[in-house]
Amino acid sequence: MLHLPVPGPVIGMLLLFAALLAAPALQRKIEADANELLRHLSLLFVPAGVGIVAAASSSSGHWLALLAGLMGSTLLTLAVTALVLRAASPKDGDV
């Protein structure tokens, strides 16, 4: 609709982040709905899993590249998460 080179869900998350920064009281209003979505988060992976199984025959010759990409992205995610956690956690003198 807007022809932006960014997926809609990413734009939505950025808008939600901006709204939470602008109005911190909004967190209490959306917390119950967010917790309900988190309770059923595993259901959101079903369509992706079905898509992977359906596309398995067309990507059968590329399993090594797919596995390398999956392992690389997982390791990168773990490293970035650890760095963010280290940066966001309180320092020894801050407690």
PDB file of N, CA and C in Angstrom:
ATOM      1  N   MET A   1       0.817  -1.183   0.000  1.00  0.00           N
ATOM      2  CA  MET A   1       0.000   0.000   0.000  1.00  0.00           C
ATOM      3  C   MET A   1       0.871   1.261   0.000  1.00  0.00           C
ATOM      4  N   LEU A   2       1.867   1.298   0.878  1.00  0.00           N
ATOM      5  CA  LEU A   2       2.762   2.452   0.930  1.00  0.00           C
ATOM      6  C   LEU A   2       4.003   2.263   0.065  1.00  0.00           C
ATOM      7  N   HIS A   3       4.203   1.057  -0.461  1.00  0.00           N
ATOM      8  CA  HIS A   3       5.342   0.720  -1.314  1.00  0.00           C
ATOM      9  C   HIS A   3       6.677   1.005  -0.622  1.00  0.00           C
ATOM     10  N   LEU A   4       6.766   0.638   0.646  1.00  0.00           N
ATOM     11  CA  LEU A   4       8.011   0.789   1.393  1.00  0.00           C
ATOM     12  C   LEU A   4       8.823  -0.496   1.273  1.00  0.00           C
ATOM     13  N   PRO A   5      10.159  -0.414   1.287  1.00  0.00           N
ATOM     14  CA  PRO A   5      10.976  -1.620   1.181  1.00  0.00           C
ATOM     15  C   PRO A   5      11.121  -2.357   2.515  1.00  0.00           C
ATOM     16  N   VAL A   6      10.191  -2.135   3.425  1.00  0.00           N
ATOM     17  CA  VAL A   6      10.225  -2.754   4.751  1.00  0.00           C
ATOM     18  C   VAL A   6       8.917  -3.520   4.932  1.00  0.00           C
ATOM     19  N   PRO A   7       8.973  -4.756   5.447  1.00  0.00           N
ATOM     20  CA  PRO A   7       7.739  -5.523   5.662  1.00  0.00           C
ATOM     21  C   PRO A   7       6.786  -4.818   6.630  1.00  0.00           C
ATOM     22  N   GLY A   8       5.507  -5.017   6.412  1.00  0.00           N
ATOM     23  CA  GLY A   8       4.479  -4.408   7.251  1.00  0.00           C
ATOM     24  C   GLY A   8       4.625  -4.708   8.732  1.00  0.00           C
ATOM     25  N   PRO A   9       4.909  -5.971   9.120  1.00  0.00           N
ATOM     26  CA  PRO A   9       5.069  -6.252  10.545  1.00  0.00           C
ATOM     27  C   PRO A   9       6.209  -5.469  11.197  1.00  0.00           C
ATOM     28  N   VAL A  10       7.274  -5.211  10.445  1.00  0.00           N
ATOM     29  CA  VAL A  10       8.384  -4.429  11.000  1.00  0.00           C
ATOM     30  C   VAL A  10       7.938  -2.989  11.233  1.00  0.00           C
ATOM     31  N   ILE A  11       7.197  -2.446  10.288  1.00  0.00           N
ATOM     32  CA  ILE A  11       6.674  -1.086  10.449  1.00  0.00           C
ATOM     33  C   ILE A  11       5.737  -1.030  11.653  1.00  0.00           C
ATOM     34  N   GLY A  12       4.891  -2.059  11.804  1.00  0.00           N
ATOM     35  CA  GLY A  12       3.983  -2.105  12.947  1.00  0.00           C
ATOM     36  C   GLY A  12       4.718  -2.147  14.272  1.00  0.00           C
ATOM     37  N   MET A  13       5.794  -2.938  14.343  1.00  0.00           N
ATOM     38  CA  MET A  13       6.570  -3.003  15.580  1.00  0.00           C
ATOM     39  C   MET A  13       7.250  -1.669  15.876  1.00  0.00           C
ATOM     40  N   LEU A  14       7.735  -0.992  14.844  1.00  0.00           N
ATOM     41  CA  LEU A  14       8.353   0.319  15.048  1.00  0.00           C
ATOM     42  C   LEU A  14       7.326   1.345  15.524  1.00  0.00           C
ATOM     43  N   LEU A  15       6.118   1.287  14.956  1.00  0.00           N
ATOM     44  CA  LEU A  15       5.060   2.195  15.403  1.00  0.00           C
ATOM     45  C   LEU A  15       4.668   1.913  16.849  1.00  0.00           C
ATOM     46  N   LEU A  16       4.574   0.622  17.212  1.00  0.00           N
ATOM     47  CA  LEU A  16       4.251   0.269  18.593  1.00  0.00           C
ATOM     48  C   LEU A  16       5.352   0.743  19.537  1.00  0.00           C
ATOM     49  N   PHE A  17       6.595   0.558  19.147  1.00  0.00           N
ATOM     50  CA  PHE A  17       7.722   1.015  19.965  1.00  0.00           C
ATOM     51  C   PHE A  17       7.673   2.525  20.165  1.00  0.00           C
ATOM     52  N   ALA A  18       7.404   3.256  19.083  1.00  0.00           N
ATOM     53  CA  ALA A  18       7.316   4.716  19.180  1.00  0.00           C
ATOM     54  C   ALA A  18       6.154   5.130  20.078  1.00  0.00           C
ATOM     55  N   ALA A  19       5.021   4.434  19.966  1.00  0.00           N
ATOM     56  CA  ALA A  19       3.865   4.759  20.806  1.00  0.00           C
ATOM     57  C   ALA A  19       4.167   4.490  22.275  1.00  0.00           C
ATOM     58  N   LEU A  20       4.874   3.400  22.563  1.00  0.00           N
ATOM     59  CA  LEU A  20       5.222   3.088  23.950  1.00  0.00           C
ATOM     60  C   LEU A  20       6.234   4.079  24.513  1.00  0.00           C
ATOM     61  N   LEU A  21       7.118   4.577  23.665  1.00  0.00           N
ATOM     62  CA  LEU A  21       8.053   5.604  24.123  1.00  0.00           C
ATOM     63  C   LEU A  21       7.333   6.921  24.387  1.00  0.00           C
ATOM     64  N   ALA A  22       6.367   7.243  23.529  1.00  0.00           N
ATOM     65  CA  ALA A  22       5.653   8.513  23.661  1.00  0.00           C
ATOM     66  C   ALA A  22       4.669   8.497  24.822  1.00  0.00           C
ATOM     67  N   ALA A  23       4.048   7.342  25.067  1.00  0.00           N
ATOM     68  CA  ALA A  23       3.036   7.245  26.129  1.00  0.00           C
ATOM     69  C   ALA A  23       3.276   5.970  26.931  1.00  0.00           C
ATOM     70  N   PRO A  24       4.138   6.010  27.947  1.00  0.00           N
ATOM     71  CA  PRO A  24       4.440   4.808  28.735  1.00  0.00           C
ATOM     72  C   PRO A  24       3.209   4.189  29.401  1.00  0.00           C
ATOM     73  N   ALA A  25       2.172   4.975  29.661  1.00  0.00           N
ATOM     74  CA  ALA A  25       0.959   4.434  30.275  1.00  0.00           C
ATOM     75  C   ALA A  25       0.244   3.460  29.340  1.00  0.00           C
ATOM     76  N   LEU A  26       0.560   3.512  28.064  1.00  0.00           N
ATOM     77  CA  LEU A  26      -0.048   2.607  27.090  1.00  0.00           C
ATOM     78  C   LEU A  26       0.315   1.152  27.382  1.00  0.00           C
ATOM     79  N   GLN A  27       1.448   0.928  28.031  1.00  0.00           N
ATOM     80  CA  GLN A  27       1.893  -0.435  28.325  1.00  0.00           C
ATOM     81  C   GLN A  27       0.868  -1.189  29.156  1.00  0.00           C
ATOM     82  N   ARG A  28       0.292  -0.537  30.153  1.00  0.00           N
ATOM     83  CA  ARG A  28      -0.702  -1.214  30.999  1.00  0.00           C
ATOM     84  C   ARG A  28      -1.941  -1.592  30.199  1.00  0.00           C
ATOM     85  N   LYS A  29      -2.278  -0.783  29.204  1.00  0.00           N
ATOM     86  CA  LYS A  29      -3.481  -1.051  28.417  1.00  0.00           C
ATOM     87  C   LYS A  29      -3.307  -2.240  27.479  1.00  0.00           C
ATOM     88  N   ILE A  30      -2.103  -2.458  26.971  1.00  0.00           N
ATOM     89  CA  ILE A  30      -1.904  -3.541  26.014  1.00  0.00           C
ATOM     90  C   ILE A  30      -1.272  -4.781  26.629  1.00  0.00           C
ATOM     91  N   GLU A  31      -0.917  -4.720  27.908  1.00  0.00           N
ATOM     92  CA  GLU A  31      -0.206  -5.834  28.542  1.00  0.00           C
ATOM     93  C   GLU A  31      -1.031  -7.122  28.559  1.00  0.00           C
ATOM     94  N   ALA A  32      -2.315  -7.039  28.870  1.00  0.00           N
ATOM     95  CA  ALA A  32      -3.149  -8.246  28.923  1.00  0.00           C
ATOM     96  C   ALA A  32      -3.254  -8.892  27.546  1.00  0.00           C
ATOM     97  N   ASP A  33      -3.445  -8.081  26.513  1.00  0.00           N
ATOM     98  CA  ASP A  33      -3.528  -8.631  25.158  1.00  0.00           C
ATOM     99  C   ASP A  33      -2.200  -9.233  24.723  1.00  0.00           C
ATOM    100  N   ALA A  34      -1.103  -8.583  25.071  1.00  0.00           N
ATOM    101  CA  ALA A  34       0.216  -9.098  24.714  1.00  0.00           C
ATOM    102  C   ALA A  34       0.481 -10.436  25.403  1.00  0.00           C
ATOM    103  N   ASN A  35       0.104 -10.550  26.663  1.00  0.00           N
ATOM    104  CA  ASN A  35       0.289 -11.817  27.379  1.00  0.00           C
ATOM    105  C   ASN A  35      -0.556 -12.924  26.771  1.00  0.00           C
ATOM    106  N   GLU A  36      -1.756 -12.594  26.325  1.00  0.00           N
ATOM    107  CA  GLU A  36      -2.613 -13.596  25.682  1.00  0.00           C
ATOM    108  C   GLU A  36      -1.983 -14.070  24.371  1.00  0.00           C
ATOM    109  N   LEU A  37      -1.427 -13.152  23.597  1.00  0.00           N
ATOM    110  CA  LEU A  37      -0.740 -13.547  22.367  1.00  0.00           C
ATOM    111  C   LEU A  37       0.477 -14.417  22.667  1.00  0.00           C
ATOM    112  N   LEU A  38       1.216 -14.090  23.702  1.00  0.00           N
ATOM    113  CA  LEU A  38       2.390 -14.884  24.065  1.00  0.00           C
ATOM    114  C   LEU A  38       2.009 -16.298  24.493  1.00  0.00           C
ATOM    115  N   ARG A  39       0.843 -16.450  25.108  1.00  0.00           N
ATOM    116  CA  ARG A  39       0.399 -17.793  25.509  1.00  0.00           C
ATOM    117  C   ARG A  39       0.200 -18.693  24.298  1.00  0.00           C
ATOM    118  N   HIS A  40      -0.153 -18.109  23.156  1.00  0.00           N
ATOM    119  CA  HIS A  40      -0.441 -18.887  21.947  1.00  0.00           C
ATOM    120  C   HIS A  40       0.597 -18.652  20.852  1.00  0.00           C
ATOM    121  N   LEU A  41       1.784 -18.234  21.239  1.00  0.00           N
ATOM    122  CA  LEU A  41       2.827 -17.896  20.273  1.00  0.00           C
ATOM    123  C   LEU A  41       3.197 -19.082  19.387  1.00  0.00           C
ATOM    124  N   SER A  42       3.194 -20.271  19.937  1.00  0.00           N
ATOM    125  CA  SER A  42       3.602 -21.438  19.146  1.00  0.00           C
ATOM    126  C   SER A  42       2.683 -21.669  17.951  1.00  0.00           C
ATOM    127  N   LEU A  43       1.421 -21.277  18.053  1.00  0.00           N
ATOM    128  CA  LEU A  43       0.502 -21.442  16.923  1.00  0.00           C
ATOM    129  C   LEU A  43       0.901 -20.581  15.730  1.00  0.00           C
ATOM    130  N   LEU A  44       1.591 -19.488  15.978  1.00  0.00           N
ATOM    131  CA  LEU A  44       1.988 -18.604  14.890  1.00  0.00           C
ATOM    132  C   LEU A  44       3.094 -19.213  14.036  1.00  0.00           C
ATOM    133  N   PHE A  45       3.740 -20.269  14.519  1.00  0.00           N
ATOM    134  CA  PHE A  45       4.786 -20.925  13.750  1.00  0.00           C
ATOM    135  C   PHE A  45       4.240 -22.025  12.843  1.00  0.00           C
ATOM    136  N   VAL A  46       2.984 -22.387  12.988  1.00  0.00           N
ATOM    137  CA  VAL A  46       2.400 -23.455  12.175  1.00  0.00           C
ATOM    138  C   VAL A  46       2.429 -23.110  10.686  1.00  0.00           C
ATOM    139  N   PRO A  47       1.974 -21.930  10.242  1.00  0.00           N
ATOM    140  CA  PRO A  47       2.030 -21.645   8.801  1.00  0.00           C
ATOM    141  C   PRO A  47       3.447 -21.685   8.234  1.00  0.00           C
ATOM    142  N   ALA A  48       4.421 -21.203   8.982  1.00  0.00           N
ATOM    143  CA  ALA A  48       5.804 -21.243   8.506  1.00  0.00           C
ATOM    144  C   ALA A  48       6.278 -22.687   8.374  1.00  0.00           C
ATOM    145  N   GLY A  49       5.934 -23.525   9.343  1.00  0.00           N
ATOM    146  CA  GLY A  49       6.315 -24.935   9.277  1.00  0.00           C
ATOM    147  C   GLY A  49       5.671 -25.649   8.105  1.00  0.00           C
ATOM    148  N   VAL A  50       4.407 -25.363   7.863  1.00  0.00           N
ATOM    149  CA  VAL A  50       3.707 -25.967   6.723  1.00  0.00           C
ATOM    150  C   VAL A  50       4.349 -25.506   5.420  1.00  0.00           C
ATOM    151  N   GLY A  51       4.721 -24.241   5.341  1.00  0.00           N
ATOM    152  CA  GLY A  51       5.383 -23.735   4.138  1.00  0.00           C
ATOM    153  C   GLY A  51       6.718 -24.402   3.891  1.00  0.00           C
ATOM    154  N   ILE A  52       7.460 -24.652   4.946  1.00  0.00           N
ATOM    155  CA  ILE A  52       8.756 -25.322   4.806  1.00  0.00           C
ATOM    156  C   ILE A  52       8.568 -26.748   4.311  1.00  0.00           C
ATOM    157  N   VAL A  53       7.602 -27.455   4.874  1.00  0.00           N
ATOM    158  CA  VAL A  53       7.346 -28.831   4.445  1.00  0.00           C
ATOM    159  C   VAL A  53       6.857 -28.854   3.003  1.00  0.00           C
ATOM    160  N   ALA A  54       5.995 -27.912   2.630  1.00  0.00           N
ATOM    161  CA  ALA A  54       5.471 -27.866   1.267  1.00  0.00           C
ATOM    162  C   ALA A  54       6.567 -27.543   0.253  1.00  0.00           C
ATOM    163  N   ALA A  55       7.546 -26.740   0.640  1.00  0.00           N
ATOM    164  CA  ALA A  55       8.618 -26.352  -0.277  1.00  0.00           C
ATOM    165  C   ALA A  55       9.819 -27.282  -0.193  1.00  0.00           C
ATOM    166  N   ALA A  56       9.731 -28.333   0.596  1.00  0.00           N
ATOM    167  CA  ALA A  56      10.881 -29.225   0.793  1.00  0.00           C
ATOM    168  C   ALA A  56      11.330 -29.873  -0.511  1.00  0.00           C
ATOM    169  N   SER A  57      10.401 -30.234  -1.374  1.00  0.00           N
ATOM    170  CA  SER A  57      10.790 -30.917  -2.605  1.00  0.00           C
ATOM    171  C   SER A  57      11.532 -29.984  -3.561  1.00  0.00           C
ATOM    172  N   SER A  58      11.167 -28.708  -3.585  1.00  0.00           N
ATOM    173  CA  SER A  58      11.833 -27.786  -4.508  1.00  0.00           C
ATOM    174  C   SER A  58      13.201 -27.344  -4.005  1.00  0.00           C
ATOM    175  N   SER A  59      13.473 -27.520  -2.730  1.00  0.00           N
ATOM    176  CA  SER A  59      14.765 -27.097  -2.188  1.00  0.00           C
ATOM    177  C   SER A  59      15.611 -28.281  -1.744  1.00  0.00           C
ATOM    178  N   SER A  60      15.317 -29.462  -2.258  1.00  0.00           N
ATOM    179  CA  SER A  60      16.010 -30.664  -1.790  1.00  0.00           C
ATOM    180  C   SER A  60      17.501 -30.646  -2.111  1.00  0.00           C
ATOM    181  N   GLY A  61      17.917 -29.978  -3.166  1.00  0.00           N
ATOM    182  CA  GLY A  61      19.333 -29.934  -3.513  1.00  0.00           C
ATOM    183  C   GLY A  61      20.103 -28.847  -2.788  1.00  0.00           C
ATOM    184  N   HIS A  62      19.429 -28.071  -1.970  1.00  0.00           N
ATOM    185  CA  HIS A  62      20.059 -26.932  -1.308  1.00  0.00           C
ATOM    186  C   HIS A  62      20.098 -27.085   0.206  1.00  0.00           C
ATOM    187  N   TRP A  63      20.017 -28.315   0.706  1.00  0.00           N
ATOM    188  CA  TRP A  63      19.937 -28.506   2.155  1.00  0.00           C
ATOM    189  C   TRP A  63      21.184 -28.035   2.889  1.00  0.00           C
ATOM    190  N   LEU A  64      22.352 -28.215   2.281  1.00  0.00           N
ATOM    191  CA  LEU A  64      23.579 -27.782   2.950  1.00  0.00           C
ATOM    192  C   LEU A  64      23.607 -26.256   3.104  1.00  0.00           C
ATOM    193  N   ALA A  65      23.224 -25.548   2.054  1.00  0.00           N
ATOM    194  CA  ALA A  65      23.181 -24.082   2.132  1.00  0.00           C
ATOM    195  C   ALA A  65      22.115 -23.629   3.122  1.00  0.00           C
ATOM    196  N   LEU A  66      20.962 -24.293   3.123  1.00  0.00           N
ATOM    197  CA  LEU A  66      19.900 -23.944   4.068  1.00  0.00           C
ATOM    198  C   LEU A  66      20.340 -24.193   5.505  1.00  0.00           C
ATOM    199  N   LEU A  67      21.003 -25.320   5.735  1.00  0.00           N
ATOM    200  CA  LEU A  67      21.476 -25.638   7.080  1.00  0.00           C
ATOM    201  C   LEU A  67      22.543 -24.643   7.535  1.00  0.00           C
ATOM    202  N   ALA A  68      23.448 -24.282   6.635  1.00  0.00           N
ATOM    203  CA  ALA A  68      24.486 -23.301   6.982  1.00  0.00           C
ATOM    204  C   ALA A  68      23.860 -21.945   7.301  1.00  0.00           C
ATOM    205  N   GLY A  69      22.884 -21.534   6.516  1.00  0.00           N
ATOM    206  CA  GLY A  69      22.203 -20.268   6.783  1.00  0.00           C
ATOM    207  C   GLY A  69      21.447 -20.286   8.089  1.00  0.00           C
ATOM    208  N   LEU A  70      20.794 -21.396   8.377  1.00  0.00           N
ATOM    209  CA  LEU A  70      20.046 -21.528   9.623  1.00  0.00           C
ATOM    210  C   LEU A  70      20.978 -21.504  10.831  1.00  0.00           C
ATOM    211  N   MET A  71      22.067 -22.252  10.756  1.00  0.00           N
ATOM    212  CA  MET A  71      23.017 -22.277  11.871  1.00  0.00           C
ATOM    213  C   MET A  71      23.692 -20.912  12.045  1.00  0.00           C
ATOM    214  N   GLY A  72      24.072 -20.284  10.938  1.00  0.00           N
ATOM    215  CA  GLY A  72      24.711 -18.976  11.019  1.00  0.00           C
ATOM    216  C   GLY A  72      23.791 -17.925  11.610  1.00  0.00           C
ATOM    217  N   SER A  73      22.546 -17.908  11.173  1.00  0.00           N
ATOM    218  CA  SER A  73      21.610 -16.910  11.704  1.00  0.00           C
ATOM    219  C   SER A  73      21.291 -17.177  13.168  1.00  0.00           C
ATOM    220  N   THR A  74      21.237 -18.437  13.565  1.00  0.00           N
ATOM    221  CA  THR A  74      20.990 -18.763  14.970  1.00  0.00           C
ATOM    222  C   THR A  74      22.152 -18.296  15.842  1.00  0.00           C
ATOM    223  N   LEU A  75      23.375 -18.572  15.411  1.00  0.00           N
ATOM    224  CA  LEU A  75      24.547 -18.128  16.178  1.00  0.00           C
ATOM    225  C   LEU A  75      24.631 -16.605  16.238  1.00  0.00           C
ATOM    226  N   LEU A  76      24.313 -15.939  15.136  1.00  0.00           N
ATOM    227  CA  LEU A  76      24.321 -14.477  15.125  1.00  0.00           C
ATOM    228  C   LEU A  76      23.262 -13.921  16.074  1.00  0.00           C
ATOM    229  N   THR A  77      22.087 -14.534  16.086  1.00  0.00           N
ATOM    230  CA  THR A  77      21.021 -14.100  16.994  1.00  0.00           C
ATOM    231  C   THR A  77      21.438 -14.275  18.446  1.00  0.00           C
ATOM    232  N   LEU A  78      22.057 -15.401  18.774  1.00  0.00           N
ATOM    233  CA  LEU A  78      22.527 -15.624  20.138  1.00  0.00           C
ATOM    234  C   LEU A  78      23.581 -14.599  20.537  1.00  0.00           C
ATOM    235  N   ALA A  79      24.502 -14.297  19.630  1.00  0.00           N
ATOM    236  CA  ALA A  79      25.561 -13.336  19.942  1.00  0.00           C
ATOM    237  C   ALA A  79      24.994 -11.937  20.150  1.00  0.00           C
ATOM    238  N   VAL A  80      24.095 -11.514  19.275  1.00  0.00           N
ATOM    239  CA  VAL A  80      23.502 -10.178  19.410  1.00  0.00           C
ATOM    240  C   VAL A  80      22.662 -10.094  20.675  1.00  0.00           C
ATOM    241  N   THR A  81      21.923 -11.154  20.986  1.00  0.00           N
ATOM    242  CA  THR A  81      21.118 -11.167  22.208  1.00  0.00           C
ATOM    243  C   THR A  81      22.006 -11.048  23.438  1.00  0.00           C
ATOM    244  N   ALA A  82      23.123 -11.765  23.448  1.00  0.00           N
ATOM    245  CA  ALA A  82      24.049 -11.684  24.585  1.00  0.00           C
ATOM    246  C   ALA A  82      24.632 -10.282  24.720  1.00  0.00           C
ATOM    247  N   LEU A  83      24.978  -9.653  23.610  1.00  0.00           N
ATOM    248  CA  LEU A  83      25.526  -8.294  23.660  1.00  0.00           C
ATOM    249  C   LEU A  83      24.489  -7.285  24.149  1.00  0.00           C
ATOM    250  N   VAL A  84      23.261  -7.427  23.681  1.00  0.00           N
ATOM    251  CA  VAL A  84      22.194  -6.519  24.128  1.00  0.00           C
ATOM    252  C   VAL A  84      21.920  -6.726  25.608  1.00  0.00           C
ATOM    253  N   LEU A  85      21.890  -7.973  26.052  1.00  0.00           N
ATOM    254  CA  LEU A  85      21.661  -8.256  27.467  1.00  0.00           C
ATOM    255  C   LEU A  85      22.781  -7.679  28.323  1.00  0.00           C
ATOM    256  N   ARG A  86      24.006  -7.826  27.872  1.00  0.00           N
ATOM    257  CA  ARG A  86      25.140  -7.276  28.620  1.00  0.00           C
ATOM    258  C   ARG A  86      25.049  -5.750  28.684  1.00  0.00           C
ATOM    259  N   ALA A  87      24.676  -5.117  27.588  1.00  0.00           N
ATOM    260  CA  ALA A  87      24.582  -3.654  27.559  1.00  0.00           C
ATOM    261  C   ALA A  87      23.406  -3.149  28.390  1.00  0.00           C
ATOM    262  N   ALA A  88      22.320  -3.922  28.446  1.00  0.00           N
ATOM    263  CA  ALA A  88      21.116  -3.467  29.146  1.00  0.00           C
ATOM    264  C   ALA A  88      21.106  -3.831  30.624  1.00  0.00           C
ATOM    265  N   SER A  89      21.923  -4.793  31.028  1.00  0.00           N
ATOM    266  CA  SER A  89      21.906  -5.204  32.433  1.00  0.00           C
ATOM    267  C   SER A  89      22.619  -4.165  33.290  1.00  0.00           C
ATOM    268  N   PRO A  90      22.182  -4.027  34.543  1.00  0.00           N
ATOM    269  CA  PRO A  90      22.803  -3.029  35.422  1.00  0.00           C
ATOM    270  C   PRO A  90      24.255  -3.399  35.722  1.00  0.00           C
ATOM    271  N   LYS A  91      25.079  -2.392  35.805  1.00  0.00           N
ATOM    272  CA  LYS A  91      26.491  -2.595  36.140  1.00  0.00           C
ATOM    273  C   LYS A  91      26.613  -2.849  37.641  1.00  0.00           C
ATOM    274  N   ASP A  92      27.782  -3.273  38.095  1.00  0.00           N
ATOM    275  CA  ASP A  92      27.983  -3.604  39.511  1.00  0.00           C
ATOM    276  C   ASP A  92      27.689  -2.420  40.423  1.00  0.00           C
ATOM    277  N   GLY A  93      28.110  -1.226  40.048  1.00  0.00           N
ATOM    278  CA  GLY A  93      27.905  -0.052  40.887  1.00  0.00           C
ATOM    279  C   GLY A  93      26.507   0.535  40.785  1.00  0.00           C
ATOM    280  N   ASP A  94      25.691   0.077  39.807  1.00  0.00           N
ATOM    281  CA  ASP A  94      24.361   0.646  39.587  1.00  0.00           C
ATOM    282  C   ASP A  94      23.283  -0.008  40.438  1.00  0.00           C
ATOM    283  N   VAL A  95      23.581  -1.117  41.066  1.00  0.00           N
ATOM    284  CA  VAL A  95      22.546  -1.859  41.802  1.00  0.00           C
ATOM    285  C   VAL A  95      22.272  -1.238  43.136  1.00  0.00           C
TER     286      VAL A  95
END
